[in-house]
C-alpha atoms as a PDB file:
ATOM      1  CA  MET A   1      18.849 -23.889   6.751  1.00  0.00           C
ATOM      2  CA  THR A   2      16.509 -27.910   6.564  1.00  0.00           C
ATOM      3  CA  ASP A   3      13.255 -27.718   6.014  1.00  0.00           C
ATOM      4  CA  ASP A   4      11.261 -29.985   8.431  1.00  0.00           C
ATOM      5  CA  ARG A   5       7.487 -29.150   7.406  1.00  0.00           C
ATOM      6  CA  PRO A   6       5.671 -32.384   5.963  1.00  0.00           C
ATOM      7  CA  ASN A   7       5.538 -30.658   2.398  1.00  0.00           C
ATOM      8  CA  GLY A   8       8.436 -28.430   2.207  1.00  0.00           C
ATOM      9  CA  SER A   9       6.813 -25.740   2.861  1.00  0.00           C
ATOM     10  CA  ASN A  10       8.699 -23.325   5.099  1.00  0.00           C
ATOM     11  CA  SER A  11       9.079 -20.306   3.691  1.00  0.00           C
ATOM     12  CA  ILE A  12       5.534 -20.161   2.140  1.00  0.00           C
ATOM     13  CA  LEU A  13       4.452 -19.746   5.827  1.00  0.00           C
ATOM     14  CA  VAL A  14       6.887 -17.926   6.085  1.00  0.00           C
ATOM     15  CA  TRP A  15       4.902 -15.257   3.328  1.00  0.00           C
ATOM     16  CA  ILE A  16       1.357 -17.256   5.107  1.00  0.00           C
ATOM     17  CA  TYR A  17       2.860 -14.642   8.107  1.00  0.00           C
ATOM     18  CA  ILE A  18       3.721 -11.328   6.284  1.00  0.00           C
ATOM     19  CA  GLY A  19       0.269 -11.830   4.831  1.00  0.00           C
ATOM     20  CA  SER A  20      -1.836 -11.884   8.177  1.00  0.00           C
ATOM     21  CA  ALA A  21       0.405  -9.369   9.671  1.00  0.00           C
ATOM     22  CA  LEU A  22       0.080  -6.568   6.897  1.00  0.00           C
ATOM     23  CA  PHE A  23      -3.572  -6.962   7.542  1.00  0.00           C
ATOM     24  CA  LEU A  24      -3.409  -7.202  11.422  1.00  0.00           C
ATOM     25  CA  VAL A  25      -1.692  -4.254  11.015  1.00  0.00           C
ATOM     26  CA  ALA A  26      -4.359  -2.235   8.666  1.00  0.00           C
ATOM     27  CA  LEU A  27      -7.137  -3.478  11.287  1.00  0.00           C
ATOM     28  CA  LEU A  28      -5.635  -1.966  14.191  1.00  0.00           C
ATOM     29  CA  VAL A  29      -4.552   1.425  12.185  1.00  0.00           C
ATOM     30  CA  SER A  30      -7.951   1.442  10.758  1.00  0.00           C
ATOM     31  CA  ALA A  31      -9.415   0.427  13.963  1.00  0.00           C
ATOM     32  CA  ILE A  32      -7.422   3.523  16.389  1.00  0.00           C
ATOM     33  CA  VAL A  33      -8.103   6.039  13.242  1.00  0.00           C
ATOM     34  CA  VAL A  34     -11.813   5.242  12.966  1.00  0.00           C
ATOM     35  CA  PRO A  35     -14.059   3.934  16.741  1.00  0.00           C
ATOM     36  CA  GLY A  36     -16.553   2.855  15.322  1.00  0.00           C
ATOM     37  CA  LEU A  37     -14.800  -0.481  13.073  1.00  0.00           C
ATOM     38  CA  ARG A  38     -12.794  -1.293  16.440  1.00  0.00           C
ATOM     39  CA  PHE A  39     -16.093  -4.637  16.862  1.00  0.00           C
ATOM     40  CA  LEU A  40     -15.355  -5.537  13.440  1.00  0.00           C
ATOM     41  CA  HIS A  41     -11.990  -5.286  13.763  1.00  0.00           C
ATOM     42  CA  SER A  42     -11.669  -7.143  16.562  1.00  0.00           C
ATOM     43  CA  PHE A  43     -13.977 -10.084  15.550  1.00  0.00           C
ATOM     44  CA  GLN A  44     -12.181  -9.954  12.134  1.00  0.00           C
ATOM     45  CA  ALA A  45      -8.303 -10.072  12.967  1.00  0.00           C
ATOM     46  CA  LEU A  46      -9.238 -13.670  15.077  1.00  0.00           C
ATOM     47  CA  ILE A  47      -9.793 -14.870  11.400  1.00  0.00           C
ATOM     48  CA  TYR A  48      -6.344 -14.003  10.839  1.00  0.00           C
ATOM     49  CA  VAL A  49      -5.192 -15.351  14.048  1.00  0.00           C
ATOM     50  CA  ALA A  50      -6.765 -18.850  12.608  1.00  0.00           C
ATOM     51  CA  VAL A  51      -5.420 -18.795   9.748  1.00  0.00           C
ATOM     52  CA  ILE A  52      -1.811 -18.174  11.496  1.00  0.00           C
ATOM     53  CA  VAL A  53      -2.188 -20.851  13.880  1.00  0.00           C
ATOM     54  CA  LEU A  54      -3.605 -23.250  11.305  1.00  0.00           C
ATOM     55  CA  ALA A  55      -1.348 -23.159   8.650  1.00  0.00           C
ATOM     56  CA  ARG A  56       1.695 -23.540  11.434  1.00  0.00           C
ATOM     57  CA  ARG A  57      -0.076 -26.936  11.697  1.00  0.00           C
ATOM     58  CA  ASN A  58       0.114 -27.552   7.896  1.00  0.00           C
ATOM     59  CA  SER A  59      -3.588 -27.949   8.400  1.00  0.00           C
ATOM     60  CA  ALA A  60      -5.626 -27.332   4.656  1.00  0.00           C
ATOM     61  CA  TRP A  61      -8.581 -25.733   6.670  1.00  0.00           C
ATOM     62  CA  GLY A  62      -6.341 -22.131   7.227  1.00  0.00           C
ATOM     63  CA  TYR A  63      -5.208 -22.134   3.727  1.00  0.00           C
ATOM     64  CA  GLY A  64      -8.639 -22.540   2.131  1.00  0.00           C
ATOM     65  CA  ALA A  65      -9.668 -19.499   5.158  1.00  0.00           C
ATOM     66  CA  GLY A  66      -6.340 -17.473   4.090  1.00  0.00           C
ATOM     67  CA  PHE A  67      -7.135 -17.911   0.256  1.00  0.00           C
ATOM     68  CA  SER A  68     -11.103 -16.961   0.292  1.00  0.00           C
ATOM     69  CA  ILE A  69     -11.501 -14.618   3.309  1.00  0.00           C
ATOM     70  CA  ALA A  70      -8.240 -12.234   1.178  1.00  0.00           C
ATOM     71  CA  VAL A  71     -10.227 -12.999  -2.596  1.00  0.00           C
ATOM     72  CA  VAL A  72     -13.311 -11.696  -1.093  1.00  0.00           C
ATOM     73  CA  TRP A  73     -12.327  -8.483   0.613  1.00  0.00           C
ATOM     74  CA  ASN A  74      -9.851  -7.894  -1.895  1.00  0.00           C
ATOM     75  CA  ALA A  75     -12.351  -8.142  -4.726  1.00  0.00           C
ATOM     76  CA  MET A  76     -14.897  -5.925  -2.373  1.00  0.00           C
ATOM     77  CA  GLY A  77     -11.831  -3.310  -2.238  1.00  0.00           C
ATOM     78  CA  LEU A  78     -10.953  -3.453  -5.559  1.00  0.00           C
ATOM     79  CA  PHE A  79     -14.234  -3.807  -7.350  1.00  0.00           C
ATOM     80  CA  LEU A  80     -16.762  -2.828  -5.476  1.00  0.00           C
ATOM     81  CA  THR A  81     -15.905   0.096  -3.070  1.00  0.00           C
ATOM     82  CA  HIS A  82     -12.450   1.091  -4.868  1.00  0.00           C
ATOM     83  CA  LEU A  83     -10.516   1.335  -1.068  1.00  0.00           C
ATOM     84  CA  ILE A  84      -7.637   0.070  -2.560  1.00  0.00           C
ATOM     85  CA  GLU A  85      -7.041   2.895  -5.710  1.00  0.00           C
ATOM     86  CA  ARG A  86      -7.968   5.184  -3.868  1.00  0.00           C
ATOM     87  CA  GLY A  87      -5.989   4.312  -1.006  1.00  0.00           C
ATOM     88  CA  ALA A  88      -2.822   3.843  -3.091  1.00  0.00           C
ATOM     89  CA  ALA A  89      -3.305   7.700  -4.579  1.00  0.00           C
ATOM     90  CA  ALA A  90      -3.117   8.717  -1.410  1.00  0.00           C
ATOM     91  CA  PHE A  91       0.609   7.311  -0.762  1.00  0.00           C
ATOM     92  CA  VAL A  92       1.734   8.406  -3.961  1.00  0.00           C
ATOM     93  CA  ALA A  93       0.080  12.190  -2.887  1.00  0.00           C
ATOM     94  CA  SER A  94       1.315  11.996   0.337  1.00  0.00           C
ATOM     95  CA  LEU A  95       4.785  10.755  -0.910  1.00  0.00           C
ATOM     96  CA  ARG A  96       4.251  14.030  -2.901  1.00  0.00           C
ATOM     97  CA  THR A  97       2.897  16.506  -0.107  1.00  0.00           C
ATOM     98  CA  GLY A  98       4.508  15.419   2.825  1.00  0.00           C
ATOM     99  CA  HIS A  99       1.192  14.426   4.618  1.00  0.00           C
ATOM    100  CA  VAL A 100      -1.596  11.442   5.109  1.00  0.00           C
ATOM    101  CA  GLN A 101      -4.350  13.418   4.397  1.00  0.00           C
ATOM    102  CA  ASP A 102      -6.333   9.255   3.586  1.00  0.00           C
ATOM    103  CA  LEU A 103      -4.887   6.744   6.395  1.00  0.00           C
ATOM    104  CA  VAL A 104      -8.065   4.752   6.788  1.00  0.00           C
ATOM    105  CA  PRO A 105      -7.933   4.193   2.318  1.00  0.00           C
ATOM    106  CA  MET A 106      -4.180   4.068   2.315  1.00  0.00           C
ATOM    107  CA  MET A 107      -5.162   0.788   5.680  1.00  0.00           C
ATOM    108  CA  VAL A 108      -7.047  -0.914   3.207  1.00  0.00           C
ATOM    109  CA  THR A 109      -4.114  -0.959   0.731  1.00  0.00           C
ATOM    110  CA  LEU A 110      -1.847  -2.232   2.944  1.00  0.00           C
ATOM    111  CA  GLY A 111      -4.125  -4.927   3.756  1.00  0.00           C
ATOM    112  CA  GLY A 112      -5.324  -5.234   0.129  1.00  0.00           C
ATOM    113  CA  ILE A 113      -1.127  -6.237   0.083  1.00  0.00           C
ATOM    114  CA  GLY A 114      -1.504  -7.740   2.792  1.00  0.00           C
ATOM    115  CA  HIS A 115      -3.486 -10.165   0.900  1.00  0.00           C
ATOM    116  CA  PHE A 116      -2.522 -10.253  -2.193  1.00  0.00           C
ATOM    117  CA  ILE A 117       0.672 -12.151  -0.415  1.00  0.00           C
ATOM    118  CA  LEU A 118      -2.091 -14.398   1.769  1.00  0.00           C
ATOM    119  CA  ILE A 119      -3.455 -15.972  -1.678  1.00  0.00           C
ATOM    120  CA  ALA A 120      -0.759 -16.446  -3.356  1.00  0.00           C
ATOM    121  CA  ALA A 121       1.203 -18.575  -0.165  1.00  0.00           C
ATOM    122  CA  ALA A 122      -2.374 -20.188   0.373  1.00  0.00           C
ATOM    123  CA  LEU A 123      -2.783 -21.432  -2.719  1.00  0.00           C
ATOM    124  CA  THR A 124       0.744 -22.874  -2.620  1.00  0.00           C
ATOM    125  CA  ALA A 125       0.905 -24.274   0.290  1.00  0.00           C
ATOM    126  CA  ILE A 126      -2.506 -26.271  -0.770  1.00  0.00           C
ATOM    127  CA  ILE A 127      -1.093 -26.972  -4.029  1.00  0.00           C
ATOM    128  CA  ARG A 128       1.528 -28.562  -2.529  1.00  0.00           C
ATOM    129  CA  SER A 129      -0.265 -30.419   0.400  1.00  0.00           C
ATOM    130  CA  THR A 130      -0.105 -34.107   0.606  1.00  0.00           C
ATOM    131  CA  GLU A 131      -2.942 -34.119   3.318  1.00  0.00           C
ATOM    132  CA  LYS A 132      -5.535 -36.526   1.945  1.00  0.00           C
ATOM    133  CA  LYS A 133      -8.568 -34.798   0.935  1.00  0.00           C
ATOM    134  CA  SER A 134      -7.025 -31.279   1.025  1.00  0.00           C
ATOM    135  CA  TRP A 135      -8.548 -29.118  -1.380  1.00  0.00           C
ATOM    136  CA  TRP A 136     -11.976 -30.128   0.415  1.00  0.00           C
ATOM    137  CA  LYS A 137     -10.846 -28.934   3.542  1.00  0.00           C
ATOM    138  CA  PHE A 138      -9.552 -25.756   1.700  1.00  0.00           C
ATOM    139  CA  ALA A 139     -12.837 -25.176   0.064  1.00  0.00           C
ATOM    140  CA  GLY A 140     -14.424 -25.754   3.778  1.00  0.00           C
ATOM    141  CA  GLY A 141     -11.924 -23.558   5.542  1.00  0.00           C
ATOM    142  CA  GLY A 142     -12.786 -20.815   2.677  1.00  0.00           C
ATOM    143  CA  VAL A 143     -16.758 -21.342   3.370  1.00  0.00           C
ATOM    144  CA  LEU A 144     -16.209 -21.464   7.181  1.00  0.00           C
ATOM    145  CA  ALA A 145     -13.909 -17.577   6.664  1.00  0.00           C
ATOM    146  CA  VAL A 146     -16.759 -15.866   4.232  1.00  0.00           C
ATOM    147  CA  ALA A 147     -20.055 -17.398   6.576  1.00  0.00           C
ATOM    148  CA  TYR A 148     -18.050 -15.499   9.414  1.00  0.00           C
ATOM    149  CA  LEU A 149     -16.609 -12.758   7.850  1.00  0.00           C
ATOM    150  CA  ALA A 150     -20.902 -11.787   6.579  1.00  0.00           C
ATOM    151  CA  LEU A 151     -21.783 -12.744   9.990  1.00  0.00           C
ATOM    152  CA  ILE A 152     -20.078 -10.741  12.392  1.00  0.00           C
ATOM    153  CA  VAL A 153     -20.534  -7.689   9.202  1.00  0.00           C
ATOM    154  CA  SER A 154     -23.870  -8.210   9.898  1.00  0.00           C
ATOM    155  CA  PHE A 155     -23.718  -7.572  13.816  1.00  0.00           C
ATOM    156  CA  SER A 156     -21.334  -4.867  13.902  1.00  0.00           C
ATOM    157  CA  HIS A 157     -23.095  -2.904  10.627  1.00  0.00           C
ATOM    158  CA  PRO A 158     -19.956  -0.644   9.570  1.00  0.00           C
ATOM    159  CA  ARG A 159     -20.574   2.256   8.719  1.00  0.00           C
END
């Protein structure tokens, strides 16, 4: 199969889709289980829709948004809330016991996995980019995505 994209990144685009889709699934399941998260997760999902659309257009803005939001979110999940580890432990426990007790932390772990994929794919895409001023656009997309996340979190006051 030939790659018609300017920087030869059809496979990278697929990885961006996979990483974003995993996080969208985690958002959806968490919003179903915890109704109080529906407002926040609905608006947070828009970030990943934008990342997918912009990545499809080979835009450094989208790569930056995907990379930055994934780094910030995973840093919080790993170092502040520790929900990624708690979800991994809940997953292992569910394999041993046969029942799922902590579904939301498991979704945080799924989202974290999606983010690790998105980080690698977005970074690879921007490194391969031939677009002029791509690093500035990458940084700009990252700043906008993180600012948007901070804004929706401040308005939704998740518990």
